[in-house]
Amino acid sequence: MREKINKYDIALILTIIAVNILILAYGTLNTVDKGKKIAYIYSDNRLVGEYTLTDDYKTEFVVESESGGSNKIHIEDGYVWIEEATCPDKICLHQGKISNDGEVIVCLPNRLMVQIKDNNPEDELDVIVK
């Protein structure tokens, strides 16, 4: 037996589509700005610099470690990467450009770490447990 689609089925389908469109619009409007992301540069377990990642900021600098090694860090267009390194394995060069919250570049021989954190205070708590 074949049933026809009635007006309530059509109303349900349209409601589901409308809810999905609203969810997509809300998600698009509440995305995190790149201006709120900060690159923290650590050398020998000490903070040596904080740089806000924006599309219009560009800089390049060298970080020297106590062990004698150095890394040339490049920041441009909201991304951070290591351009040159004196370490023997050069793994830090191959980690690429980072720009998202939680991404990290590490150079173990030179004891360097570059970490991206979102500086949005609303997002500090993940879960509240009672």
N, C-alpha and C. Protein backbone atom coordinates (compact mmCIF):
# COMPACT_ATOMS: atom_id res chain seq x y z
N MET A 1 0.83 -1.17 0.00
CA MET A 1 0.00 0.00 0.00
C MET A 1 0.88 1.24 0.00
N ARG A 2 0.58 2.13 -0.87
CA ARG A 2 1.38 3.32 -1.04
C ARG A 2 0.66 4.51 -0.41
N GLU A 3 1.41 5.21 0.46
CA GLU A 3 0.81 6.38 1.13
C GLU A 3 1.33 7.65 0.49
N LYS A 4 0.51 8.63 0.44
CA LYS A 4 0.88 9.92 -0.13
C LYS A 4 1.47 10.81 0.96
N ILE A 5 2.26 11.75 0.53
CA ILE A 5 2.81 12.73 1.47
C ILE A 5 1.72 13.75 1.76
N ASN A 6 1.44 13.93 3.05
CA ASN A 6 0.40 14.90 3.40
C ASN A 6 1.04 16.22 3.83
N LYS A 7 0.21 17.18 4.20
CA LYS A 7 0.69 18.52 4.52
C LYS A 7 1.53 18.52 5.79
N TYR A 8 1.34 17.58 6.72
CA TYR A 8 2.13 17.52 7.95
C TYR A 8 3.56 17.03 7.66
N ASP A 9 3.69 16.12 6.71
CA ASP A 9 5.02 15.65 6.32
C ASP A 9 5.82 16.79 5.68
N ILE A 10 5.17 17.56 4.84
CA ILE A 10 5.83 18.70 4.20
C ILE A 10 6.23 19.74 5.25
N ALA A 11 5.36 19.99 6.22
CA ALA A 11 5.67 20.96 7.28
C ALA A 11 6.87 20.48 8.10
N LEU A 12 6.94 19.18 8.38
CA LEU A 12 8.06 18.62 9.15
C LEU A 12 9.37 18.76 8.36
N ILE A 13 9.35 18.47 7.09
CA ILE A 13 10.54 18.58 6.24
C ILE A 13 11.02 20.04 6.17
N LEU A 14 10.09 20.97 5.99
CA LEU A 14 10.45 22.39 5.93
C LEU A 14 11.00 22.88 7.27
N THR A 15 10.46 22.39 8.37
CA THR A 15 10.96 22.76 9.70
C THR A 15 12.38 22.27 9.90
N ILE A 16 12.66 21.04 9.49
CA ILE A 16 14.00 20.49 9.63
C ILE A 16 15.00 21.28 8.78
N ILE A 17 14.62 21.64 7.58
CA ILE A 17 15.50 22.44 6.71
C ILE A 17 15.75 23.82 7.33
N ALA A 18 14.70 24.45 7.86
CA ALA A 18 14.85 25.77 8.47
C ALA A 18 15.77 25.73 9.69
N VAL A 19 15.64 24.69 10.52
CA VAL A 19 16.50 24.55 11.70
C VAL A 19 17.95 24.36 11.27
N ASN A 20 18.19 23.56 10.25
CA ASN A 20 19.56 23.37 9.76
C ASN A 20 20.16 24.66 9.22
N ILE A 21 19.39 25.44 8.52
CA ILE A 21 19.88 26.73 8.00
C ILE A 21 20.21 27.67 9.16
N LEU A 22 19.39 27.69 10.19
CA LEU A 22 19.66 28.54 11.36
C LEU A 22 20.93 28.09 12.08
N ILE A 23 21.14 26.80 12.21
CA ILE A 23 22.35 26.29 12.87
C ILE A 23 23.58 26.68 12.06
N LEU A 24 23.54 26.54 10.76
CA LEU A 24 24.67 26.94 9.91
C LEU A 24 24.95 28.44 10.00
N ALA A 25 23.90 29.24 9.99
CA ALA A 25 24.07 30.70 10.08
C ALA A 25 24.66 31.09 11.44
N TYR A 26 24.21 30.47 12.51
CA TYR A 26 24.74 30.76 13.84
C TYR A 26 26.21 30.37 13.94
N GLY A 27 26.56 29.21 13.41
CA GLY A 27 27.95 28.76 13.43
C GLY A 27 28.86 29.67 12.63
N THR A 28 28.38 30.16 11.51
CA THR A 28 29.18 31.05 10.67
C THR A 28 29.41 32.39 11.35
N LEU A 29 28.42 32.91 12.03
CA LEU A 29 28.55 34.21 12.68
C LEU A 29 29.40 34.15 13.93
N ASN A 30 29.53 32.99 14.56
CA ASN A 30 30.26 32.87 15.81
C ASN A 30 31.61 32.19 15.66
N THR A 31 32.24 32.30 14.50
CA THR A 31 33.57 31.75 14.34
C THR A 31 34.58 32.66 15.02
N VAL A 32 35.71 32.09 15.41
CA VAL A 32 36.74 32.83 16.13
C VAL A 32 37.55 33.66 15.15
N ASP A 33 37.79 34.91 15.50
CA ASP A 33 38.63 35.79 14.67
C ASP A 33 40.09 35.39 14.82
N LYS A 34 40.88 35.58 13.74
CA LYS A 34 42.31 35.31 13.82
C LYS A 34 42.99 36.30 14.76
N GLY A 35 42.41 37.46 14.95
CA GLY A 35 43.00 38.47 15.81
C GLY A 35 43.03 38.06 17.27
N LYS A 36 42.28 37.05 17.63
CA LYS A 36 42.25 36.60 19.02
C LYS A 36 43.21 35.45 19.27
N LYS A 37 43.93 35.04 18.25
CA LYS A 37 44.89 33.95 18.41
C LYS A 37 46.27 34.53 18.67
N ILE A 38 46.96 33.93 19.63
CA ILE A 38 48.27 34.43 20.03
C ILE A 38 49.28 33.30 19.91
N ALA A 39 50.44 33.60 19.32
CA ALA A 39 51.54 32.65 19.25
C ALA A 39 52.46 32.91 20.43
N TYR A 40 52.66 31.90 21.26
CA TYR A 40 53.57 31.99 22.40
C TYR A 40 54.86 31.27 22.02
N ILE A 41 55.99 31.96 22.16
CA ILE A 41 57.30 31.41 21.82
C ILE A 41 58.05 31.13 23.11
N TYR A 42 58.42 29.87 23.32
CA TYR A 42 59.18 29.46 24.51
C TYR A 42 60.55 28.96 24.08
N SER A 43 61.58 29.40 24.81
CA SER A 43 62.93 28.90 24.60
C SER A 43 63.50 28.54 25.96
N ASP A 44 64.05 27.35 26.07
CA ASP A 44 64.58 26.84 27.33
C ASP A 44 63.55 26.94 28.45
N ASN A 45 62.30 26.64 28.10
CA ASN A 45 61.17 26.62 29.04
C ASN A 45 60.84 28.00 29.61
N ARG A 46 61.22 29.07 28.90
CA ARG A 46 60.88 30.44 29.30
C ARG A 46 60.15 31.11 28.15
N LEU A 47 59.14 31.90 28.48
CA LEU A 47 58.41 32.65 27.47
C LEU A 47 59.29 33.79 26.96
N VAL A 48 59.55 33.80 25.66
CA VAL A 48 60.39 34.85 25.09
C VAL A 48 59.60 35.80 24.19
N GLY A 49 58.35 35.46 23.88
CA GLY A 49 57.56 36.37 23.05
C GLY A 49 56.13 35.94 22.89
N GLU A 50 55.26 36.93 22.71
CA GLU A 50 53.84 36.73 22.42
C GLU A 50 53.51 37.57 21.20
N TYR A 51 52.89 36.95 20.20
CA TYR A 51 52.58 37.66 18.97
C TYR A 51 51.14 37.36 18.58
N THR A 52 50.35 38.41 18.39
CA THR A 52 48.97 38.26 17.96
C THR A 52 48.97 37.97 16.46
N LEU A 53 48.25 36.93 16.08
CA LEU A 53 48.20 36.53 14.68
C LEU A 53 47.08 37.25 13.96
N THR A 54 47.45 38.17 13.09
CA THR A 54 46.49 38.88 12.25
C THR A 54 46.96 38.80 10.80
N ASP A 55 46.06 39.08 9.90
CA ASP A 55 46.39 39.00 8.47
C ASP A 55 47.36 40.08 8.02
N ASP A 56 47.42 41.19 8.74
CA ASP A 56 48.26 42.31 8.30
C ASP A 56 49.60 42.40 9.05
N TYR A 57 49.88 41.48 9.97
CA TYR A 57 51.12 41.53 10.75
C TYR A 57 52.15 40.60 10.14
N LYS A 58 53.38 41.12 9.99
CA LYS A 58 54.47 40.34 9.42
C LYS A 58 55.74 40.64 10.19
N THR A 59 56.44 39.59 10.63
CA THR A 59 57.72 39.78 11.31
C THR A 59 58.56 38.52 11.15
N GLU A 60 59.83 38.69 11.43
CA GLU A 60 60.78 37.59 11.34
C GLU A 60 61.85 37.86 12.39
N PHE A 61 62.22 36.84 13.16
CA PHE A 61 63.21 37.03 14.21
C PHE A 61 63.91 35.71 14.51
N VAL A 62 65.03 35.81 15.19
CA VAL A 62 65.83 34.63 15.54
C VAL A 62 65.78 34.45 17.05
N VAL A 63 65.56 33.21 17.47
CA VAL A 63 65.55 32.87 18.89
C VAL A 63 66.78 32.00 19.16
N GLU A 64 67.64 32.48 20.05
CA GLU A 64 68.85 31.75 20.44
C GLU A 64 68.56 30.95 21.70
N SER A 65 69.05 29.71 21.77
CA SER A 65 68.86 28.90 22.96
C SER A 65 70.16 28.88 23.76
N GLU A 66 70.05 28.47 25.01
CA GLU A 66 71.23 28.40 25.87
C GLU A 66 72.20 27.32 25.40
N SER A 67 71.70 26.34 24.67
CA SER A 67 72.56 25.26 24.18
C SER A 67 73.37 25.67 22.96
N GLY A 68 73.15 26.87 22.46
CA GLY A 68 73.92 27.38 21.33
C GLY A 68 73.20 27.31 20.00
N GLY A 69 72.06 26.67 19.94
CA GLY A 69 71.30 26.57 18.70
C GLY A 69 70.43 27.79 18.49
N SER A 70 69.91 27.93 17.27
CA SER A 70 69.03 29.05 16.98
C SER A 70 67.97 28.63 15.97
N ASN A 71 66.85 29.32 16.02
CA ASN A 71 65.74 29.11 15.10
C ASN A 71 65.28 30.46 14.58
N LYS A 72 65.04 30.54 13.27
CA LYS A 72 64.50 31.74 12.65
C LYS A 72 63.00 31.52 12.48
N ILE A 73 62.20 32.35 13.16
CA ILE A 73 60.75 32.20 13.16
C ILE A 73 60.15 33.29 12.27
N HIS A 74 59.18 32.90 11.47
CA HIS A 74 58.53 33.82 10.54
C HIS A 74 57.03 33.85 10.86
N ILE A 75 56.47 35.06 10.96
CA ILE A 75 55.03 35.25 11.20
C ILE A 75 54.50 36.12 10.07
N GLU A 76 53.46 35.61 9.39
CA GLU A 76 52.88 36.36 8.28
C GLU A 76 51.49 35.81 7.95
N ASP A 77 50.55 36.71 7.63
CA ASP A 77 49.19 36.35 7.21
C ASP A 77 48.47 35.45 8.21
N GLY A 78 48.74 35.61 9.50
CA GLY A 78 48.07 34.82 10.51
C GLY A 78 48.68 33.45 10.74
N TYR A 79 49.83 33.18 10.16
CA TYR A 79 50.51 31.89 10.31
C TYR A 79 51.88 32.08 10.93
N VAL A 80 52.37 31.02 11.59
CA VAL A 80 53.71 31.01 12.18
C VAL A 80 54.42 29.77 11.66
N TRP A 81 55.71 29.91 11.32
CA TRP A 81 56.49 28.75 10.95
C TRP A 81 57.96 29.03 11.21
N ILE A 82 58.73 27.95 11.24
CA ILE A 82 60.18 28.07 11.42
C ILE A 82 60.81 28.02 10.04
N GLU A 83 61.58 29.05 9.74
CA GLU A 83 62.18 29.20 8.41
C GLU A 83 63.57 28.57 8.33
N GLU A 84 64.35 28.72 9.41
CA GLU A 84 65.70 28.15 9.45
C GLU A 84 65.96 27.63 10.86
N ALA A 85 66.79 26.60 10.95
CA ALA A 85 67.14 26.05 12.26
C ALA A 85 68.54 25.46 12.20
N THR A 86 69.25 25.50 13.32
CA THR A 86 70.60 24.94 13.39
C THR A 86 70.61 23.52 13.94
N CYS A 87 69.45 22.96 14.19
CA CYS A 87 69.39 21.60 14.72
C CYS A 87 69.78 20.60 13.64
N PRO A 88 70.28 19.43 14.03
CA PRO A 88 70.75 18.47 13.02
C PRO A 88 69.64 17.78 12.22
N ASP A 89 68.49 17.55 12.81
CA ASP A 89 67.45 16.78 12.12
C ASP A 89 66.46 17.62 11.32
N LYS A 90 66.32 18.89 11.61
CA LYS A 90 65.44 19.84 10.89
C LYS A 90 63.97 19.43 10.87
N ILE A 91 63.54 18.69 11.88
CA ILE A 91 62.13 18.28 11.95
C ILE A 91 61.23 19.49 12.14
N CYS A 92 61.68 20.47 12.88
CA CYS A 92 60.86 21.66 13.12
C CYS A 92 60.55 22.42 11.83
N LEU A 93 61.42 22.34 10.85
CA LEU A 93 61.16 23.00 9.56
C LEU A 93 60.02 22.31 8.81
N HIS A 94 59.91 21.01 8.97
CA HIS A 94 58.91 20.22 8.24
C HIS A 94 57.55 20.18 8.93
N GLN A 95 57.42 20.80 10.09
CA GLN A 95 56.13 20.83 10.78
C GLN A 95 55.18 21.83 10.13
N GLY A 96 55.67 22.69 9.28
CA GLY A 96 54.83 23.57 8.48
C GLY A 96 54.31 24.78 9.22
N LYS A 97 53.34 25.42 8.56
CA LYS A 97 52.72 26.64 9.10
C LYS A 97 51.60 26.25 10.05
N ILE A 98 51.50 26.97 11.16
CA ILE A 98 50.43 26.73 12.11
C ILE A 98 49.66 28.03 12.36
N SER A 99 48.36 27.89 12.64
CA SER A 99 47.55 29.07 12.93
C SER A 99 46.34 28.75 13.79
N ASN A 100 46.07 27.50 14.08
CA ASN A 100 44.88 27.12 14.82
C ASN A 100 45.17 26.90 16.30
N ASP A 101 44.17 27.11 17.11
CA ASP A 101 44.27 26.93 18.56
C ASP A 101 44.75 25.52 18.89
N GLY A 102 45.80 25.44 19.70
CA GLY A 102 46.32 24.15 20.14
C GLY A 102 47.44 23.59 19.30
N GLU A 103 47.72 24.17 18.15
CA GLU A 103 48.81 23.67 17.31
C GLU A 103 50.15 24.07 17.91
N VAL A 104 51.15 23.21 17.71
CA VAL A 104 52.46 23.42 18.33
C VAL A 104 53.55 23.05 17.33
N ILE A 105 54.63 23.82 17.34
CA ILE A 105 55.88 23.45 16.65
C ILE A 105 56.93 23.31 17.74
N VAL A 106 57.67 22.20 17.69
CA VAL A 106 58.68 21.93 18.71
C VAL A 106 60.01 21.62 18.04
N CYS A 107 61.08 22.20 18.57
CA CYS A 107 62.44 21.87 18.16
C CYS A 107 63.16 21.39 19.41
N LEU A 108 63.26 20.08 19.57
CA LEU A 108 63.85 19.52 20.79
C LEU A 108 65.34 19.82 20.93
N PRO A 109 66.17 19.69 19.88
CA PRO A 109 67.60 19.99 20.08
C PRO A 109 67.86 21.43 20.53
N ASN A 110 67.06 22.38 20.02
CA ASN A 110 67.24 23.79 20.39
C ASN A 110 66.34 24.22 21.54
N ARG A 111 65.56 23.30 22.07
CA ARG A 111 64.66 23.54 23.21
C ARG A 111 63.73 24.72 22.95
N LEU A 112 63.04 24.68 21.79
CA LEU A 112 62.14 25.74 21.37
C LEU A 112 60.74 25.17 21.19
N MET A 113 59.73 25.96 21.59
CA MET A 113 58.35 25.57 21.37
C MET A 113 57.55 26.80 20.95
N VAL A 114 56.76 26.64 19.88
CA VAL A 114 55.84 27.68 19.42
C VAL A 114 54.45 27.10 19.59
N GLN A 115 53.60 27.79 20.35
CA GLN A 115 52.26 27.28 20.65
C GLN A 115 51.23 28.35 20.34
N ILE A 116 50.14 27.94 19.69
CA ILE A 116 49.03 28.84 19.38
C ILE A 116 47.93 28.63 20.41
N LYS A 117 47.48 29.73 20.99
CA LYS A 117 46.36 29.67 21.93
C LYS A 117 45.33 30.72 21.55
N ASP A 118 44.09 30.35 21.72
CA ASP A 118 42.99 31.28 21.49
C ASP A 118 42.85 32.11 22.75
N ASN A 119 42.90 33.42 22.63
CA ASN A 119 42.85 34.31 23.78
C ASN A 119 41.42 34.76 24.08
N ASN A 120 40.46 33.88 23.86
CA ASN A 120 39.05 34.19 24.10
C ASN A 120 38.68 33.66 25.48
N PRO A 121 38.41 34.54 26.47
CA PRO A 121 38.13 34.07 27.82
C PRO A 121 36.84 33.26 27.94
N GLU A 122 35.93 33.35 26.98
CA GLU A 122 34.70 32.59 27.05
C GLU A 122 34.95 31.10 26.90
N ASP A 123 36.03 30.72 26.21
CA ASP A 123 36.28 29.33 25.88
C ASP A 123 37.20 28.62 26.85
N GLU A 124 37.47 29.18 28.01
CA GLU A 124 38.43 28.57 28.90
C GLU A 124 37.90 27.31 29.57
N LEU A 125 36.61 27.24 29.87
CA LEU A 125 36.05 26.04 30.49
C LEU A 125 35.48 25.13 29.43
N ASP A 126 35.87 23.86 29.47
CA ASP A 126 35.34 22.90 28.53
C ASP A 126 34.11 22.20 29.11
N VAL A 127 34.20 21.81 30.39
CA VAL A 127 33.14 21.02 31.01
C VAL A 127 32.99 21.44 32.46
N ILE A 128 31.77 21.49 32.92
CA ILE A 128 31.51 21.72 34.34
C ILE A 128 30.88 20.45 34.88
N VAL A 129 31.49 19.88 35.93
CA VAL A 129 31.02 18.61 36.50
C VAL A 129 30.55 18.88 37.91
N LYS A 130 29.38 18.34 38.25
CA LYS A 130 28.87 18.48 39.62
C LYS A 130 29.03 17.20 40.37
